[in-house]
Amino acid sequence: MKIALYGRDFNDNVLPFVQEVFDALAANQIEVTVYQKFFDFVKDKLTLPTDISTFSGYKDLLGKTDILLSLGGDGTLLDTLSLVRDSQVPVIGINFGRLGFLASINKAEINDAIKALVSGAYSIDQRSLLSIESKSGLFGDENFALNDITIHRRDDSAMMIIHAYMNGEFVNSYWADGLIIATPTGSTAYSLSCGGPIILPSAQNFVITPVAPHNLNVRPIIVPDDVALTFEVEARSTKFLLTCDSRTETVDRSVKISISKAIFNINLIRLNNETFLTTLRNKLLWGIDTRNY
């Protein structure tokens, strides 16, 4: 088995857990390749195998790795999309951050998780992605998102009006600070904090959630994932912000944006002792209110 490791720079208090990952991989005789920038960051801080290799991008992983292991929080795991893309390489995350819906393995489970990967004690969740299109070619060949695509006013600008269309039919004009278009995976991220619903990963839907809408009768709306969504922006400011997961571009208000389901999915690994509902209960503290006992 060959596992690729991806991570970002981190505080030194995380170092013992990262060392534990490398030690567990070596103990299970797993061949390891490490993202070059991450390797440069940790090579003088950890004891690493002498035969370790590195990779720099998507083409380096094609047909050359079995699993990509993300070390960090959900934001770190989202970074891996640009590395795996449509390769179908499955991804799993060890959470060194806080909440961690995507990177669901906590620091105390590192050894057990590595053993589960070796023994095949896991299943694959296929997660749908969003794809964004525009005449200006926004985000280049990384125009896809696992969590959400957002349209948002700049910090120094006034409220914006976002005209939304579904399959060419007018839906609504959102007077708001912004708009979130989220996948089921992203329904537990920014959309949730703005009052959006939680959607099970297997649901074939997207959710459109307004950010601070100025009309109280405007609520999130769930739409099928086979529709084409189009958005036009009207605002005093000449520019607005557009995000694709953690990537951001400043866009002219004249740009029309089209969003639809991407033509490929991403494979997330779920260990056999995990379910989406157990993750919800653990992360959102459902059922542990002392009044329930």
C-alpha atoms as a PDB file:
ATOM      1  CA  MET A   1       0.000   0.000   0.000  1.00  0.00           C
ATOM      2  CA  LYS A   2       1.171   3.525  -0.803  1.00  0.00           C
ATOM      3  CA  ILE A   3      -0.216   6.538   1.065  1.00  0.00           C
ATOM      4  CA  ALA A   4       0.323  10.183   0.148  1.00  0.00           C
ATOM      5  CA  LEU A   5       0.491  12.695   3.009  1.00  0.00           C
ATOM      6  CA  TYR A   6      -0.662  16.304   2.725  1.00  0.00           C
ATOM      7  CA  GLY A   7      -0.469  19.001   5.383  1.00  0.00           C
ATOM      8  CA  ARG A   8       0.055  22.681   6.030  1.00  0.00           C
ATOM      9  CA  ASP A   9       2.416  24.500   8.378  1.00  0.00           C
ATOM     10  CA  PHE A  10       1.328  24.106  12.016  1.00  0.00           C
ATOM     11  CA  ASN A  11       2.266  24.915  15.599  1.00  0.00           C
ATOM     12  CA  ASP A  12       4.928  22.838  17.324  1.00  0.00           C
ATOM     13  CA  ASN A  13       2.375  21.372  19.740  1.00  0.00           C
ATOM     14  CA  VAL A  14       1.056  19.261  16.853  1.00  0.00           C
ATOM     15  CA  LEU A  15       4.476  17.719  16.139  1.00  0.00           C
ATOM     16  CA  PRO A  16       4.082  14.673  18.432  1.00  0.00           C
ATOM     17  CA  PHE A  17       0.897  13.657  16.619  1.00  0.00           C
ATOM     18  CA  VAL A  18       2.463  14.074  13.189  1.00  0.00           C
ATOM     19  CA  GLN A  19       5.400  11.943  14.359  1.00  0.00           C
ATOM     20  CA  GLU A  20       2.879   9.349  15.534  1.00  0.00           C
ATOM     21  CA  VAL A  21       1.402   9.259  12.013  1.00  0.00           C
ATOM     22  CA  PHE A  22       4.800   8.611  10.427  1.00  0.00           C
ATOM     23  CA  ASP A  23       5.641   5.982  13.049  1.00  0.00           C
ATOM     24  CA  ALA A  24       2.313   4.183  12.544  1.00  0.00           C
ATOM     25  CA  LEU A  25       2.780   4.151   8.770  1.00  0.00           C
ATOM     26  CA  ALA A  26       6.305   2.752   9.140  1.00  0.00           C
ATOM     27  CA  ALA A  27       5.155   0.105  11.640  1.00  0.00           C
ATOM     28  CA  ASN A  28       2.568  -1.090   9.124  1.00  0.00           C
ATOM     29  CA  GLN A  29       5.155  -1.130   6.290  1.00  0.00           C
ATOM     30  CA  ILE A  30       3.285   1.460   4.238  1.00  0.00           C
ATOM     31  CA  GLU A  31       5.139   3.244   1.480  1.00  0.00           C
ATOM     32  CA  VAL A  32       4.850   6.991   2.030  1.00  0.00           C
ATOM     33  CA  THR A  33       5.060   9.992  -0.273  1.00  0.00           C
ATOM     34  CA  VAL A  34       4.786  13.487   1.204  1.00  0.00           C
ATOM     35  CA  TYR A  35       3.643  16.768  -0.328  1.00  0.00           C
ATOM     36  CA  GLN A  36       6.863  18.660  -1.098  1.00  0.00           C
ATOM     37  CA  LYS A  37       6.056  21.884   0.790  1.00  0.00           C
ATOM     38  CA  PHE A  38       4.924  19.923   3.827  1.00  0.00           C
ATOM     39  CA  PHE A  39       8.049  17.753   3.685  1.00  0.00           C
ATOM     40  CA  ASP A  40      10.228  20.889   3.623  1.00  0.00           C
ATOM     41  CA  PHE A  41       8.401  22.129   6.721  1.00  0.00           C
ATOM     42  CA  VAL A  42       8.724  18.939   8.820  1.00  0.00           C
ATOM     43  CA  LYS A  43      11.982  17.336   7.632  1.00  0.00           C
ATOM     44  CA  ASP A  44      14.085  19.026  10.324  1.00  0.00           C
ATOM     45  CA  LYS A  45      11.442  18.709  13.025  1.00  0.00           C
ATOM     46  CA  LEU A  46      10.627  14.979  12.867  1.00  0.00           C
ATOM     47  CA  THR A  47      12.300  11.595  12.501  1.00  0.00           C
ATOM     48  CA  LEU A  48      11.353  10.488   8.994  1.00  0.00           C
ATOM     49  CA  PRO A  49      11.993   7.296   6.998  1.00  0.00           C
ATOM     50  CA  THR A  50      15.127   7.488   4.858  1.00  0.00           C
ATOM     51  CA  ASP A  51      13.355   6.187   1.745  1.00  0.00           C
ATOM     52  CA  ILE A  52      10.559   8.759   1.780  1.00  0.00           C
ATOM     53  CA  SER A  53       9.519  10.326  -1.540  1.00  0.00           C
ATOM     54  CA  THR A  54       7.706  13.574  -2.324  1.00  0.00           C
ATOM     55  CA  PHE A  55       5.056  14.835  -4.729  1.00  0.00           C
ATOM     56  CA  SER A  56       4.063  18.300  -5.883  1.00  0.00           C
ATOM     57  CA  GLY A  57       0.743  18.032  -7.683  1.00  0.00           C
ATOM     58  CA  TYR A  58      -2.075  16.157  -9.340  1.00  0.00           C
ATOM     59  CA  LYS A  59      -0.006  14.457 -12.035  1.00  0.00           C
ATOM     60  CA  ASP A  60       2.412  13.039  -9.463  1.00  0.00           C
ATOM     61  CA  LEU A  61      -0.396  11.044  -7.828  1.00  0.00           C
ATOM     62  CA  LEU A  62      -2.143   9.635 -10.899  1.00  0.00           C
ATOM     63  CA  GLY A  63      -1.939   5.851 -10.662  1.00  0.00           C
ATOM     64  CA  LYS A  64       0.830   6.103  -8.057  1.00  0.00           C
ATOM     65  CA  THR A  65      -0.978   6.176  -4.708  1.00  0.00           C
ATOM     66  CA  ASP A  66      -3.783   4.277  -3.017  1.00  0.00           C
ATOM     67  CA  ILE A  67      -4.939   6.825  -0.433  1.00  0.00           C
ATOM     68  CA  LEU A  68      -4.312  10.493   0.312  1.00  0.00           C
ATOM     69  CA  LEU A  69      -4.118  11.257   4.031  1.00  0.00           C
ATOM     70  CA  SER A  70      -4.752  14.853   5.095  1.00  0.00           C
ATOM     71  CA  LEU A  71      -3.170  16.088   8.328  1.00  0.00           C
ATOM     72  CA  GLY A  72      -5.036  19.070   9.728  1.00  0.00           C
ATOM     73  CA  GLY A  73      -8.574  20.393   9.861  1.00  0.00           C
ATOM     74  CA  ASP A  74     -11.349  20.588   7.299  1.00  0.00           C
ATOM     75  CA  GLY A  75      -9.630  23.439   5.466  1.00  0.00           C
ATOM     76  CA  THR A  76      -6.552  21.284   4.978  1.00  0.00           C
ATOM     77  CA  LEU A  77      -8.658  18.449   3.592  1.00  0.00           C
ATOM     78  CA  LEU A  78     -10.361  20.855   1.179  1.00  0.00           C
ATOM     79  CA  ASP A  79      -6.900  21.711  -0.179  1.00  0.00           C
ATOM     80  CA  THR A  80      -6.518  18.111  -1.331  1.00  0.00           C
ATOM     81  CA  LEU A  81      -9.214  18.554  -4.004  1.00  0.00           C
ATOM     82  CA  SER A  82      -6.703  20.244  -6.291  1.00  0.00           C
ATOM     83  CA  LEU A  83      -4.379  17.241  -5.827  1.00  0.00           C
ATOM     84  CA  VAL A  84      -6.837  14.393  -6.421  1.00  0.00           C
ATOM     85  CA  ARG A  85      -9.335  16.097  -8.799  1.00  0.00           C
ATOM     86  CA  ASP A  86     -10.927  13.406 -10.985  1.00  0.00           C
ATOM     87  CA  SER A  87      -8.328  10.712 -10.179  1.00  0.00           C
ATOM     88  CA  GLN A  88     -10.717   8.926  -7.777  1.00  0.00           C
ATOM     89  CA  VAL A  89      -7.909   8.616  -5.189  1.00  0.00           C
ATOM     90  CA  PRO A  90      -9.785   8.338  -1.867  1.00  0.00           C
ATOM     91  CA  VAL A  91      -9.099  10.903   0.853  1.00  0.00           C
ATOM     92  CA  ILE A  92      -9.215  10.665   4.639  1.00  0.00           C
ATOM     93  CA  GLY A  93      -8.343  13.303   7.225  1.00  0.00           C
ATOM     94  CA  ILE A  94      -6.829  13.300  10.705  1.00  0.00           C
ATOM     95  CA  ASN A  95      -8.151  16.301  12.574  1.00  0.00           C
ATOM     96  CA  PHE A  96      -5.545  18.552  14.192  1.00  0.00           C
ATOM     97  CA  GLY A  97      -7.994  21.455  14.158  1.00  0.00           C
ATOM     98  CA  ARG A  98     -11.215  22.088  16.066  1.00  0.00           C
ATOM     99  CA  LEU A  99     -14.616  20.891  14.826  1.00  0.00           C
ATOM    100  CA  GLY A 100     -13.635  18.676  11.899  1.00  0.00           C
ATOM    101  CA  PHE A 101     -16.653  17.375   9.978  1.00  0.00           C
ATOM    102  CA  LEU A 102     -14.515  16.214   7.034  1.00  0.00           C
ATOM    103  CA  ALA A 103     -11.307  15.390   8.893  1.00  0.00           C
ATOM    104  CA  SER A 104     -13.158  13.136  11.300  1.00  0.00           C
ATOM    105  CA  ILE A 105     -10.328  11.070  12.856  1.00  0.00           C
ATOM    106  CA  ASN A 106      -9.230  12.609  16.129  1.00  0.00           C
ATOM    107  CA  LYS A 107      -5.677  12.630  17.452  1.00  0.00           C
ATOM    108  CA  ALA A 108      -6.315   9.776  19.882  1.00  0.00           C
ATOM    109  CA  GLU A 109      -7.312   7.419  17.055  1.00  0.00           C
ATOM    110  CA  ILE A 110      -4.231   7.668  14.824  1.00  0.00           C
ATOM    111  CA  ASN A 111      -2.883   4.139  15.273  1.00  0.00           C
ATOM    112  CA  ASP A 112      -6.296   2.489  15.059  1.00  0.00           C
ATOM    113  CA  ALA A 113      -7.105   4.474  11.921  1.00  0.00           C
ATOM    114  CA  ILE A 114      -3.879   3.463  10.158  1.00  0.00           C
ATOM    115  CA  LYS A 115      -4.533  -0.192  11.026  1.00  0.00           C
ATOM    116  CA  ALA A 116      -8.074   0.121   9.635  1.00  0.00           C
ATOM    117  CA  LEU A 117      -6.703   1.501   6.353  1.00  0.00           C
ATOM    118  CA  VAL A 118      -4.253  -1.381   6.054  1.00  0.00           C
ATOM    119  CA  SER A 119      -6.916  -4.005   6.775  1.00  0.00           C
ATOM    120  CA  GLY A 120      -9.477  -2.398   4.477  1.00  0.00           C
ATOM    121  CA  ALA A 121     -11.915  -1.768   7.332  1.00  0.00           C
ATOM    122  CA  TYR A 122     -13.503   1.215   5.641  1.00  0.00           C
ATOM    123  CA  SER A 123     -15.984   2.211   2.960  1.00  0.00           C
ATOM    124  CA  ILE A 124     -16.015   4.935   0.336  1.00  0.00           C
ATOM    125  CA  ASP A 125     -18.436   7.863   0.377  1.00  0.00           C
ATOM    126  CA  GLN A 126     -18.825   9.499  -3.016  1.00  0.00           C
ATOM    127  CA  ARG A 127     -19.356  13.215  -2.468  1.00  0.00           C
ATOM    128  CA  SER A 128     -20.733  15.510  -5.171  1.00  0.00           C
ATOM    129  CA  LEU A 129     -18.950  18.721  -6.146  1.00  0.00           C
ATOM    130  CA  LEU A 130     -20.013  22.077  -7.496  1.00  0.00           C
ATOM    131  CA  SER A 131     -18.562  23.463 -10.717  1.00  0.00           C
ATOM    132  CA  ILE A 132     -18.443  27.154 -11.608  1.00  0.00           C
ATOM    133  CA  GLU A 133     -18.338  28.573 -15.133  1.00  0.00           C
ATOM    134  CA  SER A 134     -17.928  32.120 -16.435  1.00  0.00           C
ATOM    135  CA  LYS A 135     -16.726  33.826 -19.595  1.00  0.00           C
ATOM    136  CA  SER A 136     -13.673  35.057 -17.697  1.00  0.00           C
ATOM    137  CA  GLY A 137     -12.624  31.520 -16.724  1.00  0.00           C
ATOM    138  CA  LEU A 138     -12.718  32.069 -12.982  1.00  0.00           C
ATOM    139  CA  PHE A 139     -10.511  29.708 -10.917  1.00  0.00           C
ATOM    140  CA  GLY A 140      -8.997  28.181 -14.060  1.00  0.00           C
ATOM    141  CA  ASP A 141      -8.834  24.378 -13.973  1.00  0.00           C
ATOM    142  CA  GLU A 142      -9.657  24.356 -10.252  1.00  0.00           C
ATOM    143  CA  ASN A 143     -13.210  25.635 -10.700  1.00  0.00           C
ATOM    144  CA  PHE A 144     -14.810  23.041  -8.427  1.00  0.00           C
ATOM    145  CA  ALA A 145     -15.815  22.973  -4.763  1.00  0.00           C
ATOM    146  CA  LEU A 146     -16.621  20.253  -2.260  1.00  0.00           C
ATOM    147  CA  ASN A 147     -18.236  22.507   0.354  1.00  0.00           C
ATOM    148  CA  ASP A 148     -19.615  25.616  -1.278  1.00  0.00           C
ATOM    149  CA  ILE A 149     -19.351  28.470  -3.715  1.00  0.00           C
ATOM    150  CA  THR A 150     -20.200  31.861  -2.248  1.00  0.00           C
ATOM    151  CA  ILE A 151     -20.985  35.269  -3.662  1.00  0.00           C
ATOM    152  CA  HIS A 152     -20.196  37.951  -1.105  1.00  0.00           C
ATOM    153  CA  ARG A 153     -19.877  41.693  -0.814  1.00  0.00           C
ATOM    154  CA  ARG A 154     -16.452  43.134  -0.088  1.00  0.00           C
ATOM    155  CA  ASP A 155     -15.789  44.395   3.438  1.00  0.00           C
ATOM    156  CA  ASP A 156     -15.935  48.036   2.362  1.00  0.00           C
ATOM    157  CA  SER A 157     -19.045  47.767   0.189  1.00  0.00           C
ATOM    158  CA  ALA A 158     -22.776  48.075   0.788  1.00  0.00           C
ATOM    159  CA  MET A 159     -25.426  45.384   0.524  1.00  0.00           C
ATOM    160  CA  MET A 160     -25.719  43.670  -2.850  1.00  0.00           C
ATOM    161  CA  ILE A 161     -28.608  42.324  -4.914  1.00  0.00           C
ATOM    162  CA  ILE A 162     -28.087  38.877  -6.394  1.00  0.00           C
ATOM    163  CA  HIS A 163     -30.518  37.794  -9.105  1.00  0.00           C
ATOM    164  CA  ALA A 164     -30.831  33.999  -9.157  1.00  0.00           C
ATOM    165  CA  TYR A 165     -32.109  31.773 -11.980  1.00  0.00           C
ATOM    166  CA  MET A 166     -32.665  28.015 -12.132  1.00  0.00           C
ATOM    167  CA  ASN A 167     -32.613  26.413 -15.593  1.00  0.00           C
ATOM    168  CA  GLY A 168     -33.219  29.901 -16.964  1.00  0.00           C
ATOM    169  CA  GLU A 169     -36.269  30.589 -14.786  1.00  0.00           C
ATOM    170  CA  PHE A 170     -36.117  33.493 -12.346  1.00  0.00           C
ATOM    171  CA  VAL A 171     -36.007  32.336  -8.713  1.00  0.00           C
ATOM    172  CA  ASN A 172     -35.462  35.410  -6.563  1.00  0.00           C
ATOM    173  CA  SER A 173     -33.531  38.625  -6.100  1.00  0.00           C
ATOM    174  CA  TYR A 174     -31.562  38.345  -2.872  1.00  0.00           C
ATOM    175  CA  TRP A 175     -30.984  41.631  -1.050  1.00  0.00           C
ATOM    176  CA  ALA A 176     -28.216  40.431   1.236  1.00  0.00           C
ATOM    177  CA  ASP A 177     -24.559  40.480   2.171  1.00  0.00           C
ATOM    178  CA  GLY A 178     -24.069  37.393   0.045  1.00  0.00           C
ATOM    179  CA  LEU A 179     -25.278  34.005  -1.085  1.00  0.00           C
ATOM    180  CA  ILE A 180     -24.000  30.486  -0.376  1.00  0.00           C
ATOM    181  CA  ILE A 181     -24.498  27.607  -2.795  1.00  0.00           C
ATOM    182  CA  ALA A 182     -23.602  24.477  -0.837  1.00  0.00           C
ATOM    183  CA  THR A 183     -23.368  20.751  -1.486  1.00  0.00           C
ATOM    184  CA  PRO A 184     -24.693  18.232   1.057  1.00  0.00           C
ATOM    185  CA  THR A 185     -21.107  18.031   2.341  1.00  0.00           C
ATOM    186  CA  GLY A 186     -21.000  21.810   2.698  1.00  0.00           C
ATOM    187  CA  SER A 187     -24.373  21.961   4.412  1.00  0.00           C
ATOM    188  CA  THR A 188     -22.567  21.553   7.761  1.00  0.00           C
ATOM    189  CA  ALA A 189     -20.133  24.401   7.007  1.00  0.00           C
ATOM    190  CA  TYR A 190     -20.798  28.101   6.248  1.00  0.00           C
ATOM    191  CA  SER A 191     -24.379  27.403   5.182  1.00  0.00           C
ATOM    192  CA  LEU A 192     -25.208  25.880   8.572  1.00  0.00           C
ATOM    193  CA  SER A 193     -23.861  28.940  10.414  1.00  0.00           C
ATOM    194  CA  CYS A 194     -26.210  31.100   8.303  1.00  0.00           C
ATOM    195  CA  GLY A 195     -29.288  29.044   9.168  1.00  0.00           C
ATOM    196  CA  GLY A 196     -29.149  26.499   6.364  1.00  0.00           C
ATOM    197  CA  PRO A 197     -30.382  22.907   6.804  1.00  0.00           C
ATOM    198  CA  ILE A 198     -28.217  19.842   7.369  1.00  0.00           C
ATOM    199  CA  ILE A 199     -28.384  17.563   4.316  1.00  0.00           C
ATOM    200  CA  LEU A 200     -27.273  13.934   4.350  1.00  0.00           C
ATOM    201  CA  PRO A 201     -24.276  13.328   2.053  1.00  0.00           C
ATOM    202  CA  SER A 202     -26.202  10.871  -0.132  1.00  0.00           C
ATOM    203  CA  ALA A 203     -28.953  13.384  -0.905  1.00  0.00           C
ATOM    204  CA  GLN A 204     -28.946  14.594  -4.490  1.00  0.00           C
ATOM    205  CA  ASN A 205     -29.483  18.242  -3.640  1.00  0.00           C
ATOM    206  CA  PHE A 206     -27.837  21.603  -3.257  1.00  0.00           C
ATOM    207  CA  VAL A 207     -28.907  24.375  -0.897  1.00  0.00           C
ATOM    208  CA  ILE A 208     -28.984  28.121  -1.614  1.00  0.00           C
ATOM    209  CA  THR A 209     -28.549  30.025   1.641  1.00  0.00           C
ATOM    210  CA  PRO A 210     -28.616  33.849   1.874  1.00  0.00           C
ATOM    211  CA  VAL A 211     -26.103  35.640   4.101  1.00  0.00           C
ATOM    212  CA  ALA A 212     -27.810  38.254   6.289  1.00  0.00           C
ATOM    213  CA  PRO A 213     -30.812  38.764   3.973  1.00  0.00           C
ATOM    214  CA  HIS A 214     -32.536  42.140   4.297  1.00  0.00           C
ATOM    215  CA  ASN A 215     -35.988  40.604   3.755  1.00  0.00           C
ATOM    216  CA  LEU A 216     -37.095  38.389   6.640  1.00  0.00           C
ATOM    217  CA  ASN A 217     -39.245  36.186   4.397  1.00  0.00           C
ATOM    218  CA  VAL A 218     -36.186  34.976   2.465  1.00  0.00           C
ATOM    219  CA  ARG A 219     -35.091  31.524   3.595  1.00  0.00           C
ATOM    220  CA  PRO A 220     -32.657  28.830   2.382  1.00  0.00           C
ATOM    221  CA  ILE A 221     -34.004  26.741  -0.477  1.00  0.00           C
ATOM    222  CA  ILE A 222     -33.043  23.165  -1.383  1.00  0.00           C
ATOM    223  CA  VAL A 223     -32.823  22.424  -5.111  1.00  0.00           C
ATOM    224  CA  PRO A 224     -32.079  19.238  -7.107  1.00  0.00           C
ATOM    225  CA  ASP A 225     -28.424  18.819  -8.029  1.00  0.00           C
ATOM    226  CA  ASP A 226     -29.204  18.325 -11.734  1.00  0.00           C
ATOM    227  CA  VAL A 227     -30.235  21.964 -12.315  1.00  0.00           C
ATOM    228  CA  ALA A 228     -28.173  24.804 -13.767  1.00  0.00           C
ATOM    229  CA  LEU A 229     -27.988  27.873 -11.533  1.00  0.00           C
ATOM    230  CA  THR A 230     -27.150  31.323 -12.862  1.00  0.00           C
ATOM    231  CA  PHE A 231     -26.427  34.457 -10.857  1.00  0.00           C
ATOM    232  CA  GLU A 232     -26.152  38.142 -11.757  1.00  0.00           C
ATOM    233  CA  VAL A 233     -24.976  40.777  -9.287  1.00  0.00           C
ATOM    234  CA  GLU A 234     -26.298  44.293  -8.853  1.00  0.00           C
ATOM    235  CA  ALA A 235     -24.447  46.527  -6.384  1.00  0.00           C
ATOM    236  CA  ARG A 236     -23.062  49.981  -5.754  1.00  0.00           C
ATOM    237  CA  SER A 237     -19.569  48.542  -5.645  1.00  0.00           C
ATOM    238  CA  THR A 238     -18.023  47.597  -8.986  1.00  0.00           C
ATOM    239  CA  LYS A 239     -16.554  44.401  -7.559  1.00  0.00           C
ATOM    240  CA  PHE A 240     -17.572  41.534  -5.314  1.00  0.00           C
ATOM    241  CA  LEU A 241     -15.947  38.444  -3.827  1.00  0.00           C
ATOM    242  CA  LEU A 242     -16.406  34.938  -5.167  1.00  0.00           C
ATOM    243  CA  THR A 243     -15.140  31.913  -3.268  1.00  0.00           C
ATOM    244  CA  CYS A 244     -14.704  28.319  -4.346  1.00  0.00           C
ATOM    245  CA  ASP A 245     -14.156  26.479  -1.058  1.00  0.00           C
ATOM    246  CA  SER A 246     -11.070  28.196   0.393  1.00  0.00           C
ATOM    247  CA  ARG A 247     -10.062  29.981  -2.821  1.00  0.00           C
ATOM    248  CA  THR A 248     -11.172  33.588  -3.398  1.00  0.00           C
ATOM    249  CA  GLU A 249     -11.295  35.879  -6.413  1.00  0.00           C
ATOM    250  CA  THR A 250     -12.380  39.493  -6.755  1.00  0.00           C
ATOM    251  CA  VAL A 251     -14.881  39.696  -9.609  1.00  0.00           C
ATOM    252  CA  ASP A 252     -16.399  42.531 -11.616  1.00  0.00           C
ATOM    253  CA  ARG A 253     -20.132  42.878 -11.033  1.00  0.00           C
ATOM    254  CA  SER A 254     -20.784  42.541 -14.780  1.00  0.00           C
ATOM    255  CA  VAL A 255     -19.672  38.886 -14.716  1.00  0.00           C
ATOM    256  CA  LYS A 256     -22.472  36.318 -14.946  1.00  0.00           C
ATOM    257  CA  ILE A 257     -21.853  33.145 -12.943  1.00  0.00           C
ATOM    258  CA  SER A 258     -23.130  29.664 -13.750  1.00  0.00           C
ATOM    259  CA  ILE A 259     -23.023  26.882 -11.162  1.00  0.00           C
ATOM    260  CA  SER A 260     -23.885  23.210 -11.647  1.00  0.00           C
ATOM    261  CA  LYS A 261     -22.902  19.771 -10.431  1.00  0.00           C
ATOM    262  CA  ALA A 262     -19.351  18.820 -11.403  1.00  0.00           C
ATOM    263  CA  ILE A 263     -18.871  15.911 -13.793  1.00  0.00           C
ATOM    264  CA  PHE A 264     -16.835  13.963 -11.206  1.00  0.00           C
ATOM    265  CA  ASN A 265     -17.108  13.140  -7.495  1.00  0.00           C
ATOM    266  CA  ILE A 266     -14.541  12.959  -4.737  1.00  0.00           C
ATOM    267  CA  ASN A 267     -14.120   9.789  -2.696  1.00  0.00           C
ATOM    268  CA  LEU A 268     -13.970  10.237   1.074  1.00  0.00           C
ATOM    269  CA  ILE A 269     -12.991   7.301   3.265  1.00  0.00           C
ATOM    270  CA  ARG A 270     -15.280   6.434   6.151  1.00  0.00           C
ATOM    271  CA  LEU A 271     -13.969   3.972   8.720  1.00  0.00           C
ATOM    272  CA  ASN A 272     -16.324   1.144   9.614  1.00  0.00           C
ATOM    273  CA  ASN A 273     -16.907   2.514  13.117  1.00  0.00           C
ATOM    274  CA  GLU A 274     -18.147   5.843  11.723  1.00  0.00           C
ATOM    275  CA  THR A 275     -21.448   7.071  10.287  1.00  0.00           C
ATOM    276  CA  PHE A 276     -22.601  10.538   9.304  1.00  0.00           C
ATOM    277  CA  LEU A 277     -25.069  10.559  12.185  1.00  0.00           C
ATOM    278  CA  THR A 278     -22.416   9.638  14.762  1.00  0.00           C
ATOM    279  CA  THR A 279     -20.284  12.471  13.394  1.00  0.00           C
ATOM    280  CA  LEU A 280     -23.196  14.887  13.788  1.00  0.00           C
ATOM    281  CA  ARG A 281     -23.840  13.752  17.339  1.00  0.00           C
ATOM    282  CA  ASN A 282     -20.171  14.025  18.286  1.00  0.00           C
ATOM    283  CA  LYS A 283     -19.463  17.355  16.610  1.00  0.00           C
ATOM    284  CA  LEU A 284     -22.733  19.133  17.438  1.00  0.00           C
ATOM    285  CA  LEU A 285     -23.044  17.586  20.900  1.00  0.00           C
ATOM    286  CA  TRP A 286     -26.497  16.194  20.173  1.00  0.00           C
ATOM    287  CA  GLY A 287     -28.058  14.199  22.975  1.00  0.00           C
ATOM    288  CA  ILE A 288     -25.593  15.113  25.726  1.00  0.00           C
ATOM    289  CA  ASP A 289     -27.565  17.961  27.301  1.00  0.00           C
ATOM    290  CA  THR A 290     -27.674  17.214  31.040  1.00  0.00           C
ATOM    291  CA  ARG A 291     -31.438  17.594  30.930  1.00  0.00           C
ATOM    292  CA  ASN A 292     -31.539  14.334  28.964  1.00  0.00           C
ATOM    293  CA  TYR A 293     -30.192  12.352  31.904  1.00  0.00           C
END
